[in-house]
């Protein structure tokens, strides 16, 4: 199904992500200062975290521990055409407010052991 592949399958030959990337290139958009700073912070402070789900799927995320013992948590989940670092601005904002932050990777990304989108497609076609 073309629409399924276009919108959700990152391995498809033509995807929504490609459209967004070329749009940004054409407009010459530059990240603002907050985004640039947040991405640098994200790369410097991220801590790899993962767990195995009951079905054997490896789930991966980046974790940012609060500087003090806090019981406040934020989960920053990126959209399906992005990746965890795309949530850097929000992760940093929550972390700066003293919260623990988790930025999980969607199953369709390389950090996870199974391609969730392709798996869903196989189930749909069965």
PDB file of N, CA and C in Angstrom:
ATOM      1  N   UNK A   1       0.845  -1.169   0.000  1.00  0.00           N
ATOM      2  CA  UNK A   1       0.000   0.000   0.000  1.00  0.00           C
ATOM      3  C   UNK A   1       0.894   1.238   0.000  1.00  0.00           C
ATOM      4  N   UNK A   2       0.783   2.054  -1.034  1.00  0.00           N
ATOM      5  CA  UNK A   2       1.637   3.232  -1.175  1.00  0.00           C
ATOM      6  C   UNK A   2       1.508   4.179   0.009  1.00  0.00           C
ATOM      7  N   UNK A   3       0.299   4.474   0.458  1.00  0.00           N
ATOM      8  CA  UNK A   3       0.114   5.435   1.545  1.00  0.00           C
ATOM      9  C   UNK A   3       0.736   4.944   2.846  1.00  0.00           C
ATOM     10  N   UNK A   4       0.591   3.656   3.130  1.00  0.00           N
ATOM     11  CA  UNK A   4       1.211   3.089   4.329  1.00  0.00           C
ATOM     12  C   UNK A   4       2.725   3.266   4.254  1.00  0.00           C
ATOM     13  N   UNK A   5       3.314   2.847   3.123  1.00  0.00           N
ATOM     14  CA  UNK A   5       4.762   2.961   2.966  1.00  0.00           C
ATOM     15  C   UNK A   5       5.217   4.413   3.028  1.00  0.00           C
ATOM     16  N   UNK A   6       4.526   5.296   2.333  1.00  0.00           N
ATOM     17  CA  UNK A   6       4.901   6.709   2.291  1.00  0.00           C
ATOM     18  C   UNK A   6       4.896   7.332   3.679  1.00  0.00           C
ATOM     19  N   UNK A   7       3.866   7.028   4.455  1.00  0.00           N
ATOM     20  CA  UNK A   7       3.707   7.672   5.760  1.00  0.00           C
ATOM     21  C   UNK A   7       4.470   6.983   6.883  1.00  0.00           C
ATOM     22  N   UNK A   8       4.577   5.659   6.851  1.00  0.00           N
ATOM     23  CA  UNK A   8       5.065   4.945   8.028  1.00  0.00           C
ATOM     24  C   UNK A   8       6.300   4.071   7.845  1.00  0.00           C
ATOM     25  N   UNK A   9       6.642   3.707   6.634  1.00  0.00           N
ATOM     26  CA  UNK A   9       7.739   2.764   6.424  1.00  0.00           C
ATOM     27  C   UNK A   9       9.031   3.510   6.074  1.00  0.00           C
ATOM     28  N   UNK A  10       9.976   3.620   7.028  1.00  0.00           N
ATOM     29  CA  UNK A  10      11.207   4.364   6.747  1.00  0.00           C
ATOM     30  C   UNK A  10      12.107   3.682   5.717  1.00  0.00           C
ATOM     31  N   UNK A  11      11.828   2.422   5.379  1.00  0.00           N
ATOM     32  CA  UNK A  11      12.633   1.698   4.400  1.00  0.00           C
ATOM     33  C   UNK A  11      12.076   1.814   2.980  1.00  0.00           C
ATOM     34  N   UNK A  12      10.925   2.455   2.820  1.00  0.00           N
ATOM     35  CA  UNK A  12      10.306   2.591   1.500  1.00  0.00           C
ATOM     36  C   UNK A  12      11.170   3.482   0.606  1.00  0.00           C
ATOM     37  N   UNK A  13      11.070   3.286  -0.724  1.00  0.00           N
ATOM     38  CA  UNK A  13      11.896   4.091  -1.628  1.00  0.00           C
ATOM     39  C   UNK A  13      11.531   5.579  -1.636  1.00  0.00           C
ATOM     40  N   UNK A  14      10.305   5.930  -1.263  1.00  0.00           N
ATOM     41  CA  UNK A  14       9.868   7.327  -1.245  1.00  0.00           C
ATOM     42  C   UNK A  14       9.018   7.530  -0.003  1.00  0.00           C
ATOM     43  N   UNK A  15       9.464   8.386   0.915  1.00  0.00           N
ATOM     44  CA  UNK A  15       8.777   8.532   2.192  1.00  0.00           C
ATOM     45  C   UNK A  15       8.480   9.986   2.537  1.00  0.00           C
ATOM     46  N   UNK A  16       7.614  10.163   3.524  1.00  0.00           N
ATOM     47  CA  UNK A  16       7.285  11.489   4.023  1.00  0.00           C
ATOM     48  C   UNK A  16       8.539  12.183   4.553  1.00  0.00           C
ATOM     49  N   UNK A  17       9.424  11.423   5.169  1.00  0.00           N
ATOM     50  CA  UNK A  17      10.671  11.981   5.705  1.00  0.00           C
ATOM     51  C   UNK A  17      11.488  12.632   4.594  1.00  0.00           C
ATOM     52  N   UNK A  18      11.550  11.990   3.433  1.00  0.00           N
ATOM     53  CA  UNK A  18      12.289  12.566   2.311  1.00  0.00           C
ATOM     54  C   UNK A  18      11.686  13.900   1.891  1.00  0.00           C
ATOM     55  N   UNK A  19      10.377  13.976   1.903  1.00  0.00           N
ATOM     56  CA  UNK A  19       9.698  15.221   1.537  1.00  0.00           C
ATOM     57  C   UNK A  19      10.071  16.319   2.522  1.00  0.00           C
ATOM     58  N   UNK A  20      10.077  16.002   3.799  1.00  0.00           N
ATOM     59  CA  UNK A  20      10.402  17.002   4.813  1.00  0.00           C
ATOM     60  C   UNK A  20      11.856  17.434   4.703  1.00  0.00           C
ATOM     61  N   UNK A  21      12.756  16.485   4.479  1.00  0.00           N
ATOM     62  CA  UNK A  21      14.175  16.816   4.359  1.00  0.00           C
ATOM     63  C   UNK A  21      14.426  17.745   3.180  1.00  0.00           C
ATOM     64  N   UNK A  22      13.828  17.445   2.022  1.00  0.00           N
ATOM     65  CA  UNK A  22      14.050  18.288   0.851  1.00  0.00           C
ATOM     66  C   UNK A  22      13.405  19.654   1.031  1.00  0.00           C
ATOM     67  N   UNK A  23      12.282  19.712   1.733  1.00  0.00           N
ATOM     68  CA  UNK A  23      11.625  20.993   1.998  1.00  0.00           C
ATOM     69  C   UNK A  23      12.550  21.875   2.829  1.00  0.00           C
ATOM     70  N   UNK A  24      13.146  21.315   3.866  1.00  0.00           N
ATOM     71  CA  UNK A  24      14.052  22.087   4.718  1.00  0.00           C
ATOM     72  C   UNK A  24      15.285  22.540   3.945  1.00  0.00           C
ATOM     73  N   UNK A  25      15.800  21.674   3.066  1.00  0.00           N
ATOM     74  CA  UNK A  25      16.968  22.040   2.280  1.00  0.00           C
ATOM     75  C   UNK A  25      16.657  23.204   1.351  1.00  0.00           C
ATOM     76  N   UNK A  26      15.493  23.163   0.725  1.00  0.00           N
ATOM     77  CA  UNK A  26      15.116  24.217  -0.214  1.00  0.00           C
ATOM     78  C   UNK A  26      14.946  25.550   0.487  1.00  0.00           C
ATOM     79  N   UNK A  27      14.363  25.536   1.639  1.00  0.00           N
ATOM     80  CA  UNK A  27      14.114  26.778   2.354  1.00  0.00           C
ATOM     81  C   UNK A  27      15.355  27.270   3.081  1.00  0.00           C
ATOM     82  N   UNK A  28      16.374  26.420   3.187  1.00  0.00           N
ATOM     83  CA  UNK A  28      17.599  26.802   3.869  1.00  0.00           C
ATOM     84  C   UNK A  28      17.389  27.088   5.346  1.00  0.00           C
ATOM     85  N   UNK A  29      16.456  26.379   5.941  1.00  0.00           N
ATOM     86  CA  UNK A  29      16.163  26.613   7.351  1.00  0.00           C
ATOM     87  C   UNK A  29      17.352  26.235   8.219  1.00  0.00           C
ATOM     88  N   UNK A  30      17.649  27.089   9.154  1.00  0.00           N
ATOM     89  CA  UNK A  30      18.706  26.830  10.118  1.00  0.00           C
ATOM     90  C   UNK A  30      18.069  26.677  11.493  1.00  0.00           C
ATOM     91  N   UNK A  31      18.576  25.738  12.296  1.00  0.00           N
ATOM     92  CA  UNK A  31      18.024  25.621  13.649  1.00  0.00           C
ATOM     93  C   UNK A  31      18.310  26.894  14.441  1.00  0.00           C
ATOM     94  N   UNK A  32      17.378  27.260  15.292  1.00  0.00           N
ATOM     95  CA  UNK A  32      17.602  28.452  16.107  1.00  0.00           C
ATOM     96  C   UNK A  32      18.607  28.138  17.216  1.00  0.00           C
ATOM     97  N   UNK A  33      18.999  29.172  17.962  1.00  0.00           N
ATOM     98  CA  UNK A  33      20.032  29.014  18.993  1.00  0.00           C
ATOM     99  C   UNK A  33      19.628  28.002  20.059  1.00  0.00           C
ATOM    100  N   UNK A  34      18.347  28.021  20.464  1.00  0.00           N
ATOM    101  CA  UNK A  34      17.895  27.072  21.486  1.00  0.00           C
ATOM    102  C   UNK A  34      18.019  25.640  20.984  1.00  0.00           C
ATOM    103  N   UNK A  35      17.628  25.405  19.739  1.00  0.00           N
ATOM    104  CA  UNK A  35      17.697  24.059  19.167  1.00  0.00           C
ATOM    105  C   UNK A  35      19.150  23.591  19.059  1.00  0.00           C
ATOM    106  N   UNK A  36      20.023  24.453  18.606  1.00  0.00           N
ATOM    107  CA  UNK A  36      21.444  24.110  18.474  1.00  0.00           C
ATOM    108  C   UNK A  36      22.043  23.758  19.831  1.00  0.00           C
ATOM    109  N   UNK A  37      21.756  24.573  20.829  1.00  0.00           N
ATOM    110  CA  UNK A  37      22.258  24.319  22.182  1.00  0.00           C
ATOM    111  C   UNK A  37      21.674  23.023  22.747  1.00  0.00           C
ATOM    112  N   UNK A  38      20.385  22.805  22.532  1.00  0.00           N
ATOM    113  CA  UNK A  38      19.722  21.610  23.060  1.00  0.00           C
ATOM    114  C   UNK A  38      20.276  20.338  22.420  1.00  0.00           C
ATOM    115  N   UNK A  39      20.530  20.364  21.122  1.00  0.00           N
ATOM    116  CA  UNK A  39      21.088  19.190  20.448  1.00  0.00           C
ATOM    117  C   UNK A  39      22.493  18.869  20.964  1.00  0.00           C
ATOM    118  N   UNK A  40      23.292  19.895  21.186  1.00  0.00           N
ATOM    119  CA  UNK A  40      24.638  19.674  21.743  1.00  0.00           C
ATOM    120  C   UNK A  40      24.528  19.091  23.148  1.00  0.00           C
ATOM    121  N   UNK A  41      23.623  19.636  23.960  1.00  0.00           N
ATOM    122  CA  UNK A  41      23.389  19.127  25.316  1.00  0.00           C
ATOM    123  C   UNK A  41      22.934  17.670  25.255  1.00  0.00           C
ATOM    124  N   UNK A  42      22.012  17.360  24.355  1.00  0.00           N
ATOM    125  CA  UNK A  42      21.466  16.013  24.199  1.00  0.00           C
ATOM    126  C   UNK A  42      22.597  15.018  23.922  1.00  0.00           C
ATOM    127  N   UNK A  43      23.447  15.345  22.951  1.00  0.00           N
ATOM    128  CA  UNK A  43      24.548  14.446  22.578  1.00  0.00           C
ATOM    129  C   UNK A  43      25.557  14.268  23.713  1.00  0.00           C
ATOM    130  N   UNK A  44      25.807  15.333  24.450  1.00  0.00           N
ATOM    131  CA  UNK A  44      26.807  15.300  25.515  1.00  0.00           C
ATOM    132  C   UNK A  44      26.319  14.581  26.775  1.00  0.00           C
ATOM    133  N   UNK A  45      25.034  14.668  27.073  1.00  0.00           N
ATOM    134  CA  UNK A  45      24.513  14.174  28.352  1.00  0.00           C
ATOM    135  C   UNK A  45      23.688  12.892  28.273  1.00  0.00           C
ATOM    136  N   UNK A  46      23.423  12.392  27.088  1.00  0.00           N
ATOM    137  CA  UNK A  46      22.559  11.215  26.962  1.00  0.00           C
ATOM    138  C   UNK A  46      23.214   9.978  27.561  1.00  0.00           C
ATOM    139  N   UNK A  47      22.359   9.165  28.125  1.00  0.00           N
ATOM    140  CA  UNK A  47      22.761   7.901  28.736  1.00  0.00           C
ATOM    141  C   UNK A  47      21.926   6.817  28.063  1.00  0.00           C
ATOM    142  N   UNK A  48      22.567   5.835  27.474  1.00  0.00           N
ATOM    143  CA  UNK A  48      21.844   4.784  26.769  1.00  0.00           C
ATOM    144  C   UNK A  48      21.069   3.915  27.754  1.00  0.00           C
ATOM    145  N   UNK A  49      19.854   3.587  27.386  1.00  0.00           N
ATOM    146  CA  UNK A  49      19.000   2.745  28.221  1.00  0.00           C
ATOM    147  C   UNK A  49      18.216   1.809  27.309  1.00  0.00           C
ATOM    148  N   UNK A  50      18.000   0.591  27.758  1.00  0.00           N
ATOM    149  CA  UNK A  50      17.201  -0.342  26.954  1.00  0.00           C
ATOM    150  C   UNK A  50      16.601  -1.414  27.847  1.00  0.00           C
ATOM    151  N   UNK A  51      15.595  -2.070  27.310  1.00  0.00           N
ATOM    152  CA  UNK A  51      15.002  -3.225  27.981  1.00  0.00           C
ATOM    153  C   UNK A  51      14.400  -4.131  26.925  1.00  0.00           C
ATOM    154  N   UNK A  52      14.206  -5.370  27.292  1.00  0.00           N
ATOM    155  CA  UNK A  52      13.631  -6.338  26.370  1.00  0.00           C
ATOM    156  C   UNK A  52      12.173  -6.559  26.731  1.00  0.00           C
ATOM    157  N   UNK A  53      11.297  -6.359  25.757  1.00  0.00           N
ATOM    158  CA  UNK A  53       9.865  -6.555  25.963  1.00  0.00           C
ATOM    159  C   UNK A  53       9.556  -8.048  26.054  1.00  0.00           C
ATOM    160  N   UNK A  54       8.353  -8.371  26.491  1.00  0.00           N
ATOM    161  CA  UNK A  54       7.948  -9.774  26.638  1.00  0.00           C
ATOM    162  C   UNK A  54       8.059 -10.563  25.339  1.00  0.00           C
ATOM    163  N   UNK A  55       7.887  -9.885  24.192  1.00  0.00           N
ATOM    164  CA  UNK A  55       7.960 -10.591  22.909  1.00  0.00           C
ATOM    165  C   UNK A  55       9.383 -10.666  22.358  1.00  0.00           C
ATOM    166  N   UNK A  56      10.374 -10.211  23.150  1.00  0.00           N
ATOM    167  CA  UNK A  56      11.768 -10.280  22.731  1.00  0.00           C
ATOM    168  C   UNK A  56      12.270  -9.037  22.014  1.00  0.00           C
ATOM    169  N   UNK A  57      11.405  -8.078  21.790  1.00  0.00           N
ATOM    170  CA  UNK A  57      11.802  -6.848  21.118  1.00  0.00           C
ATOM    171  C   UNK A  57      12.675  -6.005  22.044  1.00  0.00           C
ATOM    172  N   UNK A  58      13.813  -5.586  21.531  1.00  0.00           N
ATOM    173  CA  UNK A  58      14.702  -4.705  22.296  1.00  0.00           C
ATOM    174  C   UNK A  58      14.205  -3.273  22.142  1.00  0.00           C
ATOM    175  N   UNK A  59      13.869  -2.647  23.264  1.00  0.00           N
ATOM    176  CA  UNK A  59      13.381  -1.271  23.270  1.00  0.00           C
ATOM    177  C   UNK A  59      14.516  -0.372  23.744  1.00  0.00           C
ATOM    178  N   UNK A  60      14.789   0.694  23.009  1.00  0.00           N
ATOM    179  CA  UNK A  60      15.928   1.558  23.311  1.00  0.00           C
ATOM    180  C   UNK A  60      15.487   2.990  23.561  1.00  0.00           C
ATOM    181  N   UNK A  61      16.256   3.683  24.392  1.00  0.00           N
ATOM    182  CA  UNK A  61      15.954   5.081  24.710  1.00  0.00           C
ATOM    183  C   UNK A  61      17.216   5.772  25.192  1.00  0.00           C
ATOM    184  N   UNK A  62      17.146   7.089  25.231  1.00  0.00           N
ATOM    185  CA  UNK A  62      18.159   7.901  25.887  1.00  0.00           C
ATOM    186  C   UNK A  62      17.552   8.386  27.187  1.00  0.00           C
ATOM    187  N   UNK A  63      18.357   8.373  28.247  1.00  0.00           N
ATOM    188  CA  UNK A  63      17.879   8.780  29.568  1.00  0.00           C
ATOM    189  C   UNK A  63      18.730   9.938  30.074  1.00  0.00           C
ATOM    190  N   UNK A  64      18.071  10.901  30.693  1.00  0.00           N
ATOM    191  CA  UNK A  64      18.737  12.064  31.284  1.00  0.00           C
ATOM    192  C   UNK A  64      18.289  12.144  32.735  1.00  0.00           C
ATOM    193  N   UNK A  65      19.186  11.782  33.649  1.00  0.00           N
ATOM    194  CA  UNK A  65      18.847  11.787  35.074  1.00  0.00           C
ATOM    195  C   UNK A  65      18.843  13.215  35.610  1.00  0.00           C
ATOM    196  N   UNK A  66      17.890  13.485  36.475  1.00  0.00           N
ATOM    197  CA  UNK A  66      17.833  14.792  37.137  1.00  0.00           C
ATOM    198  C   UNK A  66      19.067  14.946  38.017  1.00  0.00           C
ATOM    199  N   UNK A  67      19.525  16.177  38.189  1.00  0.00           N
ATOM    200  CA  UNK A  67      20.729  16.406  38.990  1.00  0.00           C
ATOM    201  C   UNK A  67      20.498  16.100  40.466  1.00  0.00           C
ATOM    202  N   UNK A  68      19.267  16.233  40.921  1.00  0.00           N
ATOM    203  CA  UNK A  68      18.919  15.886  42.298  1.00  0.00           C
ATOM    204  C   UNK A  68      17.935  14.725  42.260  1.00  0.00           C
ATOM    205  N   UNK A  69      17.802  14.049  43.379  1.00  0.00           N
ATOM    206  CA  UNK A  69      16.858  12.942  43.457  1.00  0.00           C
ATOM    207  C   UNK A  69      15.441  13.478  43.262  1.00  0.00           C
ATOM    208  N   UNK A  70      14.873  13.189  42.123  1.00  0.00           N
ATOM    209  CA  UNK A  70      13.532  13.691  41.804  1.00  0.00           C
ATOM    210  C   UNK A  70      12.636  12.533  41.393  1.00  0.00           C
ATOM    211  N   UNK A  71      11.367  12.680  41.664  1.00  0.00           N
ATOM    212  CA  UNK A  71      10.395  11.669  41.258  1.00  0.00           C
ATOM    213  C   UNK A  71       9.464  12.221  40.193  1.00  0.00           C
ATOM    214  N   UNK A  72       9.966  13.202  39.450  1.00  0.00           N
ATOM    215  CA  UNK A  72       9.225  13.766  38.328  1.00  0.00           C
ATOM    216  C   UNK A  72       9.876  13.278  37.048  1.00  0.00           C
ATOM    217  N   UNK A  73       9.046  12.827  36.114  1.00  0.00           N
ATOM    218  CA  UNK A  73       9.553  12.252  34.875  1.00  0.00           C
ATOM    219  C   UNK A  73       8.829  12.839  33.679  1.00  0.00           C
ATOM    220  N   UNK A  74       9.568  12.997  32.593  1.00  0.00           N
ATOM    221  CA  UNK A  74       8.988  13.409  31.315  1.00  0.00           C
ATOM    222  C   UNK A  74       9.420  12.385  30.276  1.00  0.00           C
ATOM    223  N   UNK A  75       8.484  11.964  29.437  1.00  0.00           N
ATOM    224  CA  UNK A  75       8.791  11.072  28.328  1.00  0.00           C
ATOM    225  C   UNK A  75       8.608  11.891  27.058  1.00  0.00           C
ATOM    226  N   UNK A  76       9.688  12.068  26.323  1.00  0.00           N
ATOM    227  CA  UNK A  76       9.668  12.872  25.094  1.00  0.00           C
ATOM    228  C   UNK A  76       9.746  11.930  23.896  1.00  0.00           C
ATOM    229  N   UNK A  77       8.604  11.644  23.307  1.00  0.00           N
ATOM    230  CA  UNK A  77       8.522  10.697  22.191  1.00  0.00           C
ATOM    231  C   UNK A  77       8.449  11.446  20.870  1.00  0.00           C
ATOM    232  N   UNK A  78       9.403  11.158  20.007  1.00  0.00           N
ATOM    233  CA  UNK A  78       9.473  11.822  18.707  1.00  0.00           C
ATOM    234  C   UNK A  78       8.404  11.297  17.756  1.00  0.00           C
ATOM    235  N   UNK A  79       8.175  12.030  16.690  1.00  0.00           N
ATOM    236  CA  UNK A  79       7.239  11.607  15.653  1.00  0.00           C
ATOM    237  C   UNK A  79       7.849  10.540  14.769  1.00  0.00           C
ATOM    238  N   UNK A  80       7.044   9.932  13.921  1.00  0.00           N
ATOM    239  CA  UNK A  80       7.519   8.789  13.147  1.00  0.00           C
ATOM    240  C   UNK A  80       8.470   9.161  12.017  1.00  0.00           C
ATOM    241  N   UNK A  81       8.620  10.431  11.688  1.00  0.00           N
ATOM    242  CA  UNK A  81       9.608  10.805  10.673  1.00  0.00           C
ATOM    243  C   UNK A  81      10.839  11.441  11.308  1.00  0.00           C
ATOM    244  N   UNK A  82      11.002  11.292  12.603  1.00  0.00           N
ATOM    245  CA  UNK A  82      12.113  11.920  13.304  1.00  0.00           C
ATOM    246  C   UNK A  82      12.859  10.874  14.116  1.00  0.00           C
ATOM    247  N   UNK A  83      13.672  11.302  15.040  1.00  0.00           N
ATOM    248  CA  UNK A  83      14.422  10.428  15.928  1.00  0.00           C
ATOM    249  C   UNK A  83      14.508  11.103  17.292  1.00  0.00           C
ATOM    250  N   UNK A  84      14.990  10.396  18.322  1.00  0.00           N
ATOM    251  CA  UNK A  84      14.971  10.983  19.665  1.00  0.00           C
ATOM    252  C   UNK A  84      15.598  12.374  19.773  1.00  0.00           C
ATOM    253  N   UNK A  85      16.680  12.620  19.062  1.00  0.00           N
ATOM    254  CA  UNK A  85      17.319  13.936  19.171  1.00  0.00           C
ATOM    255  C   UNK A  85      16.407  15.056  18.671  1.00  0.00           C
ATOM    256  N   UNK A  86      15.408  14.713  17.904  1.00  0.00           N
ATOM    257  CA  UNK A  86      14.426  15.698  17.467  1.00  0.00           C
ATOM    258  C   UNK A  86      13.632  16.280  18.625  1.00  0.00           C
ATOM    259  N   UNK A  87      13.679  15.618  19.770  1.00  0.00           N
ATOM    260  CA  UNK A  87      12.989  16.103  20.972  1.00  0.00           C
ATOM    261  C   UNK A  87      13.957  16.790  21.935  1.00  0.00           C
ATOM    262  N   UNK A  88      15.167  17.089  21.482  1.00  0.00           N
ATOM    263  CA  UNK A  88      16.204  17.663  22.351  1.00  0.00           C
ATOM    264  C   UNK A  88      15.750  18.938  23.042  1.00  0.00           C
ATOM    265  N   UNK A  89      15.098  19.818  22.307  1.00  0.00           N
ATOM    266  CA  UNK A  89      14.648  21.089  22.880  1.00  0.00           C
ATOM    267  C   UNK A  89      13.733  20.850  24.081  1.00  0.00           C
ATOM    268  N   UNK A  90      12.803  19.921  23.931  1.00  0.00           N
ATOM    269  CA  UNK A  90      11.834  19.650  25.000  1.00  0.00           C
ATOM    270  C   UNK A  90      12.473  18.870  26.143  1.00  0.00           C
ATOM    271  N   UNK A  91      13.332  17.910  25.790  1.00  0.00           N
ATOM    272  CA  UNK A  91      14.033  17.138  26.822  1.00  0.00           C
ATOM    273  C   UNK A  91      14.859  18.069  27.711  1.00  0.00           C
ATOM    274  N   UNK A  92      15.559  18.999  27.097  1.00  0.00           N
ATOM    275  CA  UNK A  92      16.385  19.940  27.871  1.00  0.00           C
ATOM    276  C   UNK A  92      15.515  20.847  28.738  1.00  0.00           C
ATOM    277  N   UNK A  93      14.405  21.308  28.207  1.00  0.00           N
ATOM    278  CA  UNK A  93      13.510  22.173  28.996  1.00  0.00           C
ATOM    279  C   UNK A  93      13.019  21.447  30.250  1.00  0.00           C
ATOM    280  N   UNK A  94      12.573  20.200  30.089  1.00  0.00           N
ATOM    281  CA  UNK A  94      12.104  19.428  31.250  1.00  0.00           C
ATOM    282  C   UNK A  94      13.251  19.177  32.227  1.00  0.00           C
ATOM    283  N   UNK A  95      14.409  18.784  31.696  1.00  0.00           N
ATOM    284  CA  UNK A  95      15.568  18.495  32.537  1.00  0.00           C
ATOM    285  C   UNK A  95      16.005  19.736  33.309  1.00  0.00           C
ATOM    286  N   UNK A  96      15.990  20.883  32.655  1.00  0.00           N
ATOM    287  CA  UNK A  96      16.362  22.140  33.320  1.00  0.00           C
ATOM    288  C   UNK A  96      15.413  22.477  34.469  1.00  0.00           C
ATOM    289  N   UNK A  97      14.216  21.908  34.450  1.00  0.00           N
ATOM    290  CA  UNK A  97      13.239  22.125  35.521  1.00  0.00           C
ATOM    291  C   UNK A  97      13.340  21.043  36.600  1.00  0.00           C
ATOM    292  N   UNK A  98      14.421  20.245  36.546  1.00  0.00           N
ATOM    293  CA  UNK A  98      14.683  19.259  37.584  1.00  0.00           C
ATOM    294  C   UNK A  98      14.029  17.908  37.380  1.00  0.00           C
ATOM    295  N   UNK A  99      13.595  17.618  36.159  1.00  0.00           N
ATOM    296  CA  UNK A  99      12.924  16.345  35.895  1.00  0.00           C
ATOM    297  C   UNK A  99      13.877  15.327  35.280  1.00  0.00           C
ATOM    298  N   UNK A 100      13.593  14.042  35.532  1.00  0.00           N
ATOM    299  CA  UNK A 100      14.230  12.950  34.816  1.00  0.00           C
ATOM    300  C   UNK A 100      13.541  12.889  33.455  1.00  0.00           C
ATOM    301  N   UNK A 101      14.326  12.634  32.396  1.00  0.00           N
ATOM    302  CA  UNK A 101      13.752  12.628  31.049  1.00  0.00           C
ATOM    303  C   UNK A 101      14.131  11.337  30.338  1.00  0.00           C
ATOM    304  N   UNK A 102      13.153  10.742  29.661  1.00  0.00           N
ATOM    305  CA  UNK A 102      13.371   9.565  28.835  1.00  0.00           C
ATOM    306  C   UNK A 102      12.965   9.925  27.412  1.00  0.00           C
ATOM    307  N   UNK A 103      13.872   9.675  26.457  1.00  0.00           N
ATOM    308  CA  UNK A 103      13.593   9.929  25.042  1.00  0.00           C
ATOM    309  C   UNK A 103      13.721   8.602  24.295  1.00  0.00           C
ATOM    310  N   UNK A 104      12.609   7.843  24.207  1.00  0.00           N
ATOM    311  CA  UNK A 104      12.667   6.525  23.566  1.00  0.00           C
ATOM    312  C   UNK A 104      12.744   6.610  22.043  1.00  0.00           C
ATOM    313  N   UNK A 105      13.330   5.581  21.458  1.00  0.00           N
ATOM    314  CA  UNK A 105      13.383   5.450  20.004  1.00  0.00           C
ATOM    315  C   UNK A 105      12.194   4.608  19.560  1.00  0.00           C
ATOM    316  N   UNK A 106      11.566   5.015  18.474  1.00  0.00           N
ATOM    317  CA  UNK A 106      10.475   4.202  17.943  1.00  0.00           C
ATOM    318  C   UNK A 106      11.031   2.881  17.437  1.00  0.00           C
ATOM    319  N   UNK A 107      10.173   1.889  17.362  1.00  0.00           N
ATOM    320  CA  UNK A 107      10.613   0.563  16.926  1.00  0.00           C
ATOM    321  C   UNK A 107      11.185   0.564  15.520  1.00  0.00           C
ATOM    322  N   UNK A 108      10.830   1.521  14.696  1.00  0.00           N
ATOM    323  CA  UNK A 108      11.315   1.542  13.316  1.00  0.00           C
ATOM    324  C   UNK A 108      12.739   2.065  13.195  1.00  0.00           C
ATOM    325  N   UNK A 109      13.329   2.513  14.291  1.00  0.00           N
ATOM    326  CA  UNK A 109      14.684   3.048  14.232  1.00  0.00           C
ATOM    327  C   UNK A 109      15.726   1.972  14.490  1.00  0.00           C
ATOM    328  N   UNK A 110      16.932   2.234  14.053  1.00  0.00           N
ATOM    329  CA  UNK A 110      18.015   1.250  14.133  1.00  0.00           C
ATOM    330  C   UNK A 110      18.370   0.841  15.553  1.00  0.00           C
ATOM    331  N   UNK A 111      18.161   1.701  16.548  1.00  0.00           N
ATOM    332  CA  UNK A 111      18.533   1.347  17.924  1.00  0.00           C
ATOM    333  C   UNK A 111      17.655   0.229  18.470  1.00  0.00           C
ATOM    334  N   UNK A 112      16.515  -0.009  17.876  1.00  0.00           N
ATOM    335  CA  UNK A 112      15.628  -1.080  18.325  1.00  0.00           C
ATOM    336  C   UNK A 112      15.881  -2.319  17.479  1.00  0.00           C
ATOM    337  N   UNK A 113      15.644  -3.491  18.062  1.00  0.00           N
ATOM    338  CA  UNK A 113      16.030  -4.732  17.400  1.00  0.00           C
ATOM    339  C   UNK A 113      15.078  -5.194  16.309  1.00  0.00           C
ATOM    340  N   UNK A 114      13.862  -4.698  16.287  1.00  0.00           N
ATOM    341  CA  UNK A 114      12.897  -5.114  15.268  1.00  0.00           C
ATOM    342  C   UNK A 114      12.304  -3.888  14.614  1.00  0.00           C
ATOM    343  N   UNK A 115      11.973  -3.993  13.359  1.00  0.00           N
ATOM    344  CA  UNK A 115      11.348  -2.868  12.670  1.00  0.00           C
ATOM    345  C   UNK A 115       9.854  -2.914  12.919  1.00  0.00           C
ATOM    346  N   UNK A 116       9.390  -2.106  13.815  1.00  0.00           N
ATOM    347  CA  UNK A 116       7.985  -2.111  14.202  1.00  0.00           C
ATOM    348  C   UNK A 116       7.036  -1.850  13.060  1.00  0.00           C
ATOM    349  N   UNK A 117       7.386  -0.923  12.172  1.00  0.00           N
ATOM    350  CA  UNK A 117       6.514  -0.603  11.048  1.00  0.00           C
ATOM    351  C   UNK A 117       6.390  -1.804  10.130  1.00  0.00           C
ATOM    352  N   UNK A 118       7.510  -2.429   9.805  1.00  0.00           N
ATOM    353  CA  UNK A 118       7.464  -3.594   8.924  1.00  0.00           C
ATOM    354  C   UNK A 118       6.736  -4.751   9.596  1.00  0.00           C
ATOM    355  N   UNK A 119       6.933  -4.881  10.875  1.00  0.00           N
ATOM    356  CA  UNK A 119       6.250  -5.943  11.617  1.00  0.00           C
ATOM    357  C   UNK A 119       4.738  -5.734  11.567  1.00  0.00           C
ATOM    358  N   UNK A 120       4.308  -4.498  11.772  1.00  0.00           N
ATOM    359  CA  UNK A 120       2.880  -4.189  11.709  1.00  0.00           C
ATOM    360  C   UNK A 120       2.333  -4.476  10.322  1.00  0.00           C
ATOM    361  N   UNK A 121       3.112  -4.173   9.312  1.00  0.00           N
ATOM    362  CA  UNK A 121       2.662  -4.424   7.943  1.00  0.00           C
ATOM    363  C   UNK A 121       2.496  -5.924   7.697  1.00  0.00           C
ATOM    364  N   UNK A 122       3.443  -6.721   8.176  1.00  0.00           N
ATOM    365  CA  UNK A 122       3.335  -8.177   8.006  1.00  0.00           C
ATOM    366  C   UNK A 122       2.078  -8.703   8.681  1.00  0.00           C
ATOM    367  N   UNK A 123       1.795  -8.207   9.876  1.00  0.00           N
ATOM    368  CA  UNK A 123       0.597  -8.645  10.589  1.00  0.00           C
ATOM    369  C   UNK A 123      -0.663  -8.260   9.821  1.00  0.00           C
ATOM    370  N   UNK A 124      -0.652  -7.069   9.238  1.00  0.00           N
ATOM    371  CA  UNK A 124      -1.811  -6.584   8.495  1.00  0.00           C
ATOM    372  C   UNK A 124      -2.039  -7.428   7.241  1.00  0.00           C
ATOM    373  N   UNK A 125      -0.959  -7.884   6.616  1.00  0.00           N
ATOM    374  CA  UNK A 125      -1.071  -8.648   5.378  1.00  0.00           C
ATOM    375  C   UNK A 125      -1.361 -10.124   5.618  1.00  0.00           C
ATOM    376  N   UNK A 126      -1.205 -10.589   6.847  1.00  0.00           N
ATOM    377  CA  UNK A 126      -1.420 -12.009   7.156  1.00  0.00           C
ATOM    378  C   UNK A 126      -2.885 -12.368   7.107  1.00  0.00           C
TER     379      UNK A 126
END
